[in-house]
Amino acid sequence: MGLAGALYVSFIGFVSPYDFLPIVTFQIWAMLIVGGSGNNRGALLGALVVWAIWAGSGVLVTKLVPPSHAAQGAAIQVILIGLLLMLVLLFRPRGLIGEAAVVSRHVND
């Protein structure tokens, strides 16, 4: 995360608090939980799944919801990510590619 932040600042050149609104934090948190935070493949899969749902629902909202109700329609994105997060936590608590349960070799059988 530190390397990503350093690359972001060097690429953009300016960072403000408005670049990191709570919804961005929620998205990153959801990406890690959905994919499984125990390994890099899970984090990447979670990022792809959450971003695909976010972008896909954004396209659908702009096409199906009239412009006068765009703000209410945009809430559908957050609702879908919350629903995905809830389903993953219920059915796959370790994420889509979760970390395997490891028992210490020092445990006596």
C-alpha atoms as a PDB file:
ATOM      1  CA  MET A   1       0.000   0.000   0.000  1.00  0.00           C
ATOM      2  CA  GLY A   2       2.879   2.347   0.730  1.00  0.00           C
ATOM      3  CA  LEU A   3       4.391   1.712  -2.698  1.00  0.00           C
ATOM      4  CA  ALA A   4       1.001   2.313  -4.323  1.00  0.00           C
ATOM      5  CA  GLY A   5       0.683   5.609  -2.449  1.00  0.00           C
ATOM      6  CA  ALA A   6       4.154   6.700  -3.499  1.00  0.00           C
ATOM      7  CA  LEU A   7       3.442   5.847  -7.133  1.00  0.00           C
ATOM      8  CA  TYR A   8       0.101   7.641  -6.982  1.00  0.00           C
ATOM      9  CA  VAL A   9       1.646  10.838  -5.626  1.00  0.00           C
ATOM     10  CA  SER A  10       4.501  10.788  -8.122  1.00  0.00           C
ATOM     11  CA  PHE A  11       2.067  10.228 -11.012  1.00  0.00           C
ATOM     12  CA  ILE A  12      -0.600  12.759  -9.955  1.00  0.00           C
ATOM     13  CA  GLY A  13       1.717  15.315  -8.375  1.00  0.00           C
ATOM     14  CA  PHE A  14      -0.801  16.564  -5.799  1.00  0.00           C
ATOM     15  CA  VAL A  15      -2.794  14.827  -3.087  1.00  0.00           C
ATOM     16  CA  SER A  16      -5.738  16.259  -1.213  1.00  0.00           C
ATOM     17  CA  PRO A  17      -8.167  14.799   1.311  1.00  0.00           C
ATOM     18  CA  TYR A  18     -10.875  14.896  -1.345  1.00  0.00           C
ATOM     19  CA  ASP A  19      -8.983  12.237  -3.319  1.00  0.00           C
ATOM     20  CA  PHE A  20      -9.772   9.699  -0.607  1.00  0.00           C
ATOM     21  CA  LEU A  21     -13.440   9.992   0.222  1.00  0.00           C
ATOM     22  CA  PRO A  22     -15.053   7.356   2.471  1.00  0.00           C
ATOM     23  CA  ILE A  23     -16.552   5.558  -0.536  1.00  0.00           C
ATOM     24  CA  VAL A  24     -13.039   4.869  -1.874  1.00  0.00           C
ATOM     25  CA  THR A  25     -12.040   3.390   1.461  1.00  0.00           C
ATOM     26  CA  PHE A  26     -15.198   1.267   1.415  1.00  0.00           C
ATOM     27  CA  GLN A  27     -14.377   0.023  -2.095  1.00  0.00           C
ATOM     28  CA  ILE A  28     -10.833  -1.000  -1.174  1.00  0.00           C
ATOM     29  CA  TRP A  29     -12.020  -2.657   2.025  1.00  0.00           C
ATOM     30  CA  ALA A  30     -14.712  -4.554   0.089  1.00  0.00           C
ATOM     31  CA  MET A  31     -12.167  -5.642  -2.542  1.00  0.00           C
ATOM     32  CA  LEU A  32      -9.942  -7.214   0.087  1.00  0.00           C
ATOM     33  CA  ILE A  33     -12.775  -8.940   1.911  1.00  0.00           C
ATOM     34  CA  VAL A  34     -14.443 -10.274  -1.240  1.00  0.00           C
ATOM     35  CA  GLY A  35     -11.243 -11.708  -2.685  1.00  0.00           C
ATOM     36  CA  GLY A  36      -9.705 -12.856   0.550  1.00  0.00           C
ATOM     37  CA  SER A  37      -7.000 -10.895   2.267  1.00  0.00           C
ATOM     38  CA  GLY A  38      -4.779 -13.910   2.926  1.00  0.00           C
ATOM     39  CA  ASN A  39      -3.053 -13.880  -0.447  1.00  0.00           C
ATOM     40  CA  ASN A  40      -2.318 -11.627  -3.409  1.00  0.00           C
ATOM     41  CA  ARG A  41      -4.431 -13.599  -5.889  1.00  0.00           C
ATOM     42  CA  GLY A  42      -7.475 -13.124  -3.671  1.00  0.00           C
ATOM     43  CA  ALA A  43      -6.874  -9.405  -3.388  1.00  0.00           C
ATOM     44  CA  LEU A  44      -6.562  -9.108  -7.169  1.00  0.00           C
ATOM     45  CA  LEU A  45      -9.679 -11.204  -7.779  1.00  0.00           C
ATOM     46  CA  GLY A  46     -11.628  -9.154  -5.237  1.00  0.00           C
ATOM     47  CA  ALA A  47     -10.480  -5.937  -6.907  1.00  0.00           C
ATOM     48  CA  LEU A  48     -11.601  -7.207 -10.310  1.00  0.00           C
ATOM     49  CA  VAL A  49     -14.989  -8.451  -9.071  1.00  0.00           C
ATOM     50  CA  VAL A  50     -15.839  -5.340  -7.061  1.00  0.00           C
ATOM     51  CA  TRP A  51     -14.634  -2.988  -9.785  1.00  0.00           C
ATOM     52  CA  ALA A  52     -16.594  -4.912 -12.448  1.00  0.00           C
ATOM     53  CA  ILE A  53     -19.781  -4.658 -10.396  1.00  0.00           C
ATOM     54  CA  TRP A  54     -19.143  -0.973  -9.645  1.00  0.00           C
ATOM     55  CA  ALA A  55     -18.422  -0.069 -13.274  1.00  0.00           C
ATOM     56  CA  GLY A  56     -21.154  -2.292 -14.711  1.00  0.00           C
ATOM     57  CA  SER A  57     -23.810  -0.960 -12.396  1.00  0.00           C
ATOM     58  CA  GLY A  58     -22.649   2.597 -13.166  1.00  0.00           C
ATOM     59  CA  VAL A  59     -23.172   2.007 -16.878  1.00  0.00           C
ATOM     60  CA  LEU A  60     -26.600   0.493 -16.246  1.00  0.00           C
ATOM     61  CA  VAL A  61     -27.621   3.381 -14.001  1.00  0.00           C
ATOM     62  CA  THR A  62     -26.642   5.979 -16.604  1.00  0.00           C
ATOM     63  CA  LYS A  63     -28.584   4.127 -19.313  1.00  0.00           C
ATOM     64  CA  LEU A  64     -31.696   3.183 -17.342  1.00  0.00           C
ATOM     65  CA  VAL A  65     -32.181   5.976 -14.815  1.00  0.00           C
ATOM     66  CA  PRO A  66     -33.285   9.395 -16.058  1.00  0.00           C
ATOM     67  CA  PRO A  67     -30.787  12.222 -15.408  1.00  0.00           C
ATOM     68  CA  SER A  68     -33.144  13.883 -12.921  1.00  0.00           C
ATOM     69  CA  HIS A  69     -32.832  10.838 -10.631  1.00  0.00           C
ATOM     70  CA  ALA A  70     -29.132  10.117 -11.200  1.00  0.00           C
ATOM     71  CA  ALA A  71     -28.147  10.751  -7.575  1.00  0.00           C
ATOM     72  CA  GLN A  72     -30.676   8.232  -6.289  1.00  0.00           C
ATOM     73  CA  GLY A  73     -29.678   5.777  -9.010  1.00  0.00           C
ATOM     74  CA  ALA A  74     -26.017   6.027  -8.034  1.00  0.00           C
ATOM     75  CA  ALA A  75     -26.899   4.593  -4.626  1.00  0.00           C
ATOM     76  CA  ILE A  76     -27.568   1.311  -6.420  1.00  0.00           C
ATOM     77  CA  GLN A  77     -23.804   0.882  -6.835  1.00  0.00           C
ATOM     78  CA  VAL A  78     -23.191   1.060  -3.104  1.00  0.00           C
ATOM     79  CA  ILE A  79     -26.148  -1.234  -2.433  1.00  0.00           C
ATOM     80  CA  LEU A  80     -24.824  -3.857  -4.881  1.00  0.00           C
ATOM     81  CA  ILE A  81     -21.344  -3.805  -3.357  1.00  0.00           C
ATOM     82  CA  GLY A  82     -22.873  -4.083   0.117  1.00  0.00           C
ATOM     83  CA  LEU A  83     -24.997  -7.034  -1.031  1.00  0.00           C
ATOM     84  CA  LEU A  84     -21.949  -8.722  -2.555  1.00  0.00           C
ATOM     85  CA  LEU A  85     -20.007  -8.153   0.645  1.00  0.00           C
ATOM     86  CA  MET A  86     -22.823  -9.586   2.735  1.00  0.00           C
ATOM     87  CA  LEU A  87     -23.125 -12.693   0.536  1.00  0.00           C
ATOM     88  CA  VAL A  88     -19.390 -13.337   0.585  1.00  0.00           C
ATOM     89  CA  LEU A  89     -19.251 -12.977   4.364  1.00  0.00           C
ATOM     90  CA  LEU A  90     -22.158 -15.390   4.752  1.00  0.00           C
ATOM     91  CA  PHE A  91     -21.089 -18.079   2.304  1.00  0.00           C
ATOM     92  CA  ARG A  92     -17.306 -17.639   1.914  1.00  0.00           C
ATOM     93  CA  PRO A  93     -16.040 -15.949   5.113  1.00  0.00           C
ATOM     94  CA  ARG A  94     -12.398 -16.265   4.020  1.00  0.00           C
ATOM     95  CA  GLY A  95     -13.140 -14.644   0.647  1.00  0.00           C
ATOM     96  CA  LEU A  96     -13.404 -16.076  -2.849  1.00  0.00           C
ATOM     97  CA  ILE A  97      -9.767 -17.209  -2.714  1.00  0.00           C
ATOM     98  CA  GLY A  98      -9.243 -17.343   1.007  1.00  0.00           C
ATOM     99  CA  GLU A  99      -6.203 -18.194   2.980  1.00  0.00           C
ATOM    100  CA  ALA A 100      -5.980 -21.891   3.808  1.00  0.00           C
ATOM    101  CA  ALA A 101      -6.367 -22.758   7.467  1.00  0.00           C
ATOM    102  CA  VAL A 102      -2.920 -23.488   8.844  1.00  0.00           C
ATOM    103  CA  VAL A 103      -2.307 -25.453  11.998  1.00  0.00           C
ATOM    104  CA  SER A 104       1.042 -25.078  13.656  1.00  0.00           C
ATOM    105  CA  ARG A 105       3.362 -28.049  13.378  1.00  0.00           C
ATOM    106  CA  HIS A 106       3.982 -27.684  17.097  1.00  0.00           C
ATOM    107  CA  VAL A 107       0.420 -28.678  18.016  1.00  0.00           C
ATOM    108  CA  ASN A 108       0.245 -32.122  19.582  1.00  0.00           C
ATOM    109  CA  ASP A 109      -2.305 -34.467  18.032  1.00  0.00           C
END
